[in-house]
Amino acid sequence: MRAADFDMPVGALSGGNQQKVMVARWMAREPRLWIICEPTRGIDVGAKATIYRLLRAYADAGGAVLVVSSDVAEVIGLCDRICVMALGRIVAHLPRGASEEAVIAQAVRHDVAPAEEVAA
């Protein structure tokens, strides 16, 4: 993390550094499970890489991380298992390293309400 002054308020830091501070604060609490939504939205590539490394290290050390993200590449890069949701339900389970095309295909395939739901 980079800041002009050690005593700088977190709110005065860049978005990426604010994200890193939040991740570090939660890591210090040593939770057994993290539920993290859109962990890198709106931050630069360098900050993303740092947050990805921290989350991966946490999981590799035995912690559990549930990542909710609309960024398919982020999910593929971070997750050991991928659950695809459409219309509020889990519609597919894919393994780590699944292709972006496979993930999107499952989401699109199930993204249409059945005819009886549309008529209701």
C-alpha atoms as a PDB file:
ATOM      1  CA  MET A   1       0.000   0.000   0.000  1.00  0.00           C
ATOM      2  CA  ARG A   2       1.201   3.481  -0.770  1.00  0.00           C
ATOM      3  CA  ALA A   3       0.208   6.636   1.067  1.00  0.00           C
ATOM      4  CA  ALA A   4       1.719  10.096   1.309  1.00  0.00           C
ATOM      5  CA  ASP A   5       1.584   9.952   5.107  1.00  0.00           C
ATOM      6  CA  PHE A   6       1.311   7.072   7.584  1.00  0.00           C
ATOM      7  CA  ASP A   7      -1.422   8.918   9.520  1.00  0.00           C
ATOM      8  CA  MET A   8      -3.501   9.566   6.414  1.00  0.00           C
ATOM      9  CA  PRO A   9      -7.202   8.707   6.910  1.00  0.00           C
ATOM     10  CA  VAL A  10      -8.353   5.656   4.941  1.00  0.00           C
ATOM     11  CA  GLY A  11     -10.983   7.770   3.180  1.00  0.00           C
ATOM     12  CA  ALA A  12      -8.227   9.921   1.677  1.00  0.00           C
ATOM     13  CA  LEU A  13      -6.505   6.933   0.034  1.00  0.00           C
ATOM     14  CA  SER A  14      -7.053   5.756  -3.543  1.00  0.00           C
ATOM     15  CA  GLY A  15      -9.847   3.240  -4.133  1.00  0.00           C
ATOM     16  CA  GLY A  16      -7.347   0.412  -4.544  1.00  0.00           C
ATOM     17  CA  ASN A  17      -5.579   1.236  -1.307  1.00  0.00           C
ATOM     18  CA  GLN A  18      -8.918   1.509   0.503  1.00  0.00           C
ATOM     19  CA  GLN A  19      -9.788  -1.990  -0.733  1.00  0.00           C
ATOM     20  CA  LYS A  20      -6.408  -3.310   0.469  1.00  0.00           C
ATOM     21  CA  VAL A  21      -6.961  -1.763   3.914  1.00  0.00           C
ATOM     22  CA  MET A  22     -10.383  -3.432   4.188  1.00  0.00           C
ATOM     23  CA  VAL A  23      -8.976  -6.817   3.156  1.00  0.00           C
ATOM     24  CA  ALA A  24      -6.127  -6.454   5.672  1.00  0.00           C
ATOM     25  CA  ARG A  25      -8.535  -5.462   8.471  1.00  0.00           C
ATOM     26  CA  TRP A  26     -10.681  -8.530   7.878  1.00  0.00           C
ATOM     27  CA  MET A  27      -7.655 -10.812   7.575  1.00  0.00           C
ATOM     28  CA  ALA A  28      -6.434  -9.594  10.947  1.00  0.00           C
ATOM     29  CA  ARG A  29      -9.708 -10.814  12.474  1.00  0.00           C
ATOM     30  CA  GLU A  30      -8.963 -14.350  11.201  1.00  0.00           C
ATOM     31  CA  PRO A  31     -12.498 -15.280  10.125  1.00  0.00           C
ATOM     32  CA  ARG A  32     -13.192 -18.864   9.065  1.00  0.00           C
ATOM     33  CA  LEU A  33     -15.311 -17.730   6.120  1.00  0.00           C
ATOM     34  CA  TRP A  34     -15.194 -14.664   3.913  1.00  0.00           C
ATOM     35  CA  ILE A  35     -18.155 -13.691   1.781  1.00  0.00           C
ATOM     36  CA  ILE A  36     -16.820 -11.068  -0.562  1.00  0.00           C
ATOM     37  CA  CYS A  37     -18.901  -9.361  -3.240  1.00  0.00           C
ATOM     38  CA  GLU A  38     -17.290  -7.692  -6.269  1.00  0.00           C
ATOM     39  CA  PRO A  39     -13.901  -7.600  -4.497  1.00  0.00           C
ATOM     40  CA  THR A  40     -12.095  -5.608  -7.170  1.00  0.00           C
ATOM     41  CA  ARG A  41     -14.759  -3.446  -8.771  1.00  0.00           C
ATOM     42  CA  GLY A  42     -13.451  -0.024  -9.694  1.00  0.00           C
ATOM     43  CA  ILE A  43      -9.800  -0.506  -8.771  1.00  0.00           C
ATOM     44  CA  ASP A  44      -6.628  -0.553 -10.844  1.00  0.00           C
ATOM     45  CA  VAL A  45      -4.887  -3.662 -12.175  1.00  0.00           C
ATOM     46  CA  GLY A  46      -2.087  -3.544  -9.565  1.00  0.00           C
ATOM     47  CA  ALA A  47      -4.528  -3.381  -6.658  1.00  0.00           C
ATOM     48  CA  LYS A  48      -6.544  -6.234  -8.198  1.00  0.00           C
ATOM     49  CA  ALA A  49      -3.461  -8.422  -8.364  1.00  0.00           C
ATOM     50  CA  THR A  50      -2.672  -7.721  -4.700  1.00  0.00           C
ATOM     51  CA  ILE A  51      -6.205  -8.522  -3.563  1.00  0.00           C
ATOM     52  CA  TYR A  52      -6.224 -11.719  -5.654  1.00  0.00           C
ATOM     53  CA  ARG A  53      -2.939 -12.812  -4.050  1.00  0.00           C
ATOM     54  CA  LEU A  54      -4.269 -12.123  -0.543  1.00  0.00           C
ATOM     55  CA  LEU A  55      -7.518 -14.037  -1.132  1.00  0.00           C
ATOM     56  CA  ARG A  56      -5.706 -16.976  -2.763  1.00  0.00           C
ATOM     57  CA  ALA A  57      -3.170 -17.142   0.093  1.00  0.00           C
ATOM     58  CA  TYR A  58      -6.004 -17.095   2.628  1.00  0.00           C
ATOM     59  CA  ALA A  59      -7.782 -19.960   0.858  1.00  0.00           C
ATOM     60  CA  ASP A  60      -4.543 -21.928   0.415  1.00  0.00           C
ATOM     61  CA  ALA A  61      -3.946 -21.621   4.171  1.00  0.00           C
ATOM     62  CA  GLY A  62      -7.284 -23.325   4.856  1.00  0.00           C
ATOM     63  CA  GLY A  63      -9.689 -20.387   4.943  1.00  0.00           C
ATOM     64  CA  ALA A  64     -12.965 -20.430   3.035  1.00  0.00           C
ATOM     65  CA  VAL A  65     -13.804 -17.636   0.604  1.00  0.00           C
ATOM     66  CA  LEU A  66     -17.129 -17.207  -1.154  1.00  0.00           C
ATOM     67  CA  VAL A  67     -16.664 -14.780  -4.050  1.00  0.00           C
ATOM     68  CA  VAL A  68     -19.724 -13.189  -5.630  1.00  0.00           C
ATOM     69  CA  SER A  69     -18.809 -11.382  -8.812  1.00  0.00           C
ATOM     70  CA  SER A  70     -20.210 -10.389 -12.179  1.00  0.00           C
ATOM     71  CA  ASP A  71     -16.645 -10.409 -13.551  1.00  0.00           C
ATOM     72  CA  VAL A  72     -16.346 -13.857 -15.143  1.00  0.00           C
ATOM     73  CA  ALA A  73     -12.567 -13.623 -15.537  1.00  0.00           C
ATOM     74  CA  GLU A  74     -12.274 -12.779 -11.823  1.00  0.00           C
ATOM     75  CA  VAL A  75     -14.344 -15.805 -10.821  1.00  0.00           C
ATOM     76  CA  ILE A  76     -12.356 -18.117 -13.097  1.00  0.00           C
ATOM     77  CA  GLY A  77      -9.051 -16.802 -11.762  1.00  0.00           C
ATOM     78  CA  LEU A  78      -9.976 -16.940  -8.076  1.00  0.00           C
ATOM     79  CA  CYS A  79     -12.354 -19.804  -7.507  1.00  0.00           C
ATOM     80  CA  ASP A  80     -11.863 -23.532  -6.989  1.00  0.00           C
ATOM     81  CA  ARG A  81     -15.522 -24.161  -7.829  1.00  0.00           C
ATOM     82  CA  ILE A  82     -17.849 -21.990  -9.865  1.00  0.00           C
ATOM     83  CA  CYS A  83     -21.602 -21.857  -9.350  1.00  0.00           C
ATOM     84  CA  VAL A  84     -23.511 -20.105 -12.118  1.00  0.00           C
ATOM     85  CA  MET A  85     -26.714 -18.354 -11.123  1.00  0.00           C
ATOM     86  CA  ALA A  86     -29.616 -17.327 -13.331  1.00  0.00           C
ATOM     87  CA  LEU A  87     -33.027 -16.080 -12.308  1.00  0.00           C
ATOM     88  CA  GLY A  88     -32.053 -16.335  -8.633  1.00  0.00           C
ATOM     89  CA  ARG A  89     -31.087 -20.016  -8.732  1.00  0.00           C
ATOM     90  CA  ILE A  90     -27.875 -21.993  -9.079  1.00  0.00           C
ATOM     91  CA  VAL A  91     -28.105 -23.510 -12.558  1.00  0.00           C
ATOM     92  CA  ALA A  92     -24.636 -25.005 -13.006  1.00  0.00           C
ATOM     93  CA  HIS A  93     -21.519 -26.101 -11.120  1.00  0.00           C
ATOM     94  CA  LEU A  94     -18.212 -25.854 -12.970  1.00  0.00           C
ATOM     95  CA  PRO A  95     -14.681 -26.832 -11.912  1.00  0.00           C
ATOM     96  CA  ARG A  96     -11.720 -24.536 -11.398  1.00  0.00           C
ATOM     97  CA  GLY A  97     -10.281 -23.424 -14.714  1.00  0.00           C
ATOM     98  CA  ALA A  98     -13.556 -23.624 -16.633  1.00  0.00           C
ATOM     99  CA  SER A  99     -13.489 -21.445 -19.716  1.00  0.00           C
ATOM    100  CA  GLU A 100     -15.182 -18.084 -19.861  1.00  0.00           C
ATOM    101  CA  GLU A 101     -17.300 -19.438 -22.718  1.00  0.00           C
ATOM    102  CA  ALA A 102     -18.501 -22.378 -20.594  1.00  0.00           C
ATOM    103  CA  VAL A 103     -19.509 -20.101 -17.719  1.00  0.00           C
ATOM    104  CA  ILE A 104     -21.345 -17.644 -19.972  1.00  0.00           C
ATOM    105  CA  ALA A 105     -23.019 -20.454 -21.916  1.00  0.00           C
ATOM    106  CA  GLN A 106     -24.504 -21.852 -18.706  1.00  0.00           C
ATOM    107  CA  ALA A 107     -25.742 -18.422 -17.607  1.00  0.00           C
ATOM    108  CA  VAL A 108     -27.289 -17.599 -20.980  1.00  0.00           C
ATOM    109  CA  ARG A 109     -28.816 -21.049 -21.374  1.00  0.00           C
ATOM    110  CA  HIS A 110     -30.776 -20.599 -18.134  1.00  0.00           C
ATOM    111  CA  ASP A 111     -31.461 -16.867 -18.354  1.00  0.00           C
ATOM    112  CA  VAL A 112     -34.954 -17.234 -19.785  1.00  0.00           C
ATOM    113  CA  ALA A 113     -37.993 -17.745 -17.579  1.00  0.00           C
ATOM    114  CA  PRO A 114     -40.131 -20.781 -18.432  1.00  0.00           C
ATOM    115  CA  ALA A 115     -43.273 -19.915 -20.418  1.00  0.00           C
ATOM    116  CA  GLU A 116     -45.579 -20.567 -17.430  1.00  0.00           C
ATOM    117  CA  GLU A 117     -43.612 -18.021 -15.324  1.00  0.00           C
ATOM    118  CA  VAL A 118     -43.798 -15.379 -18.081  1.00  0.00           C
ATOM    119  CA  ALA A 119     -47.586 -15.825 -18.432  1.00  0.00           C
ATOM    120  CA  ALA A 120     -48.188 -15.491 -14.660  1.00  0.00           C
END
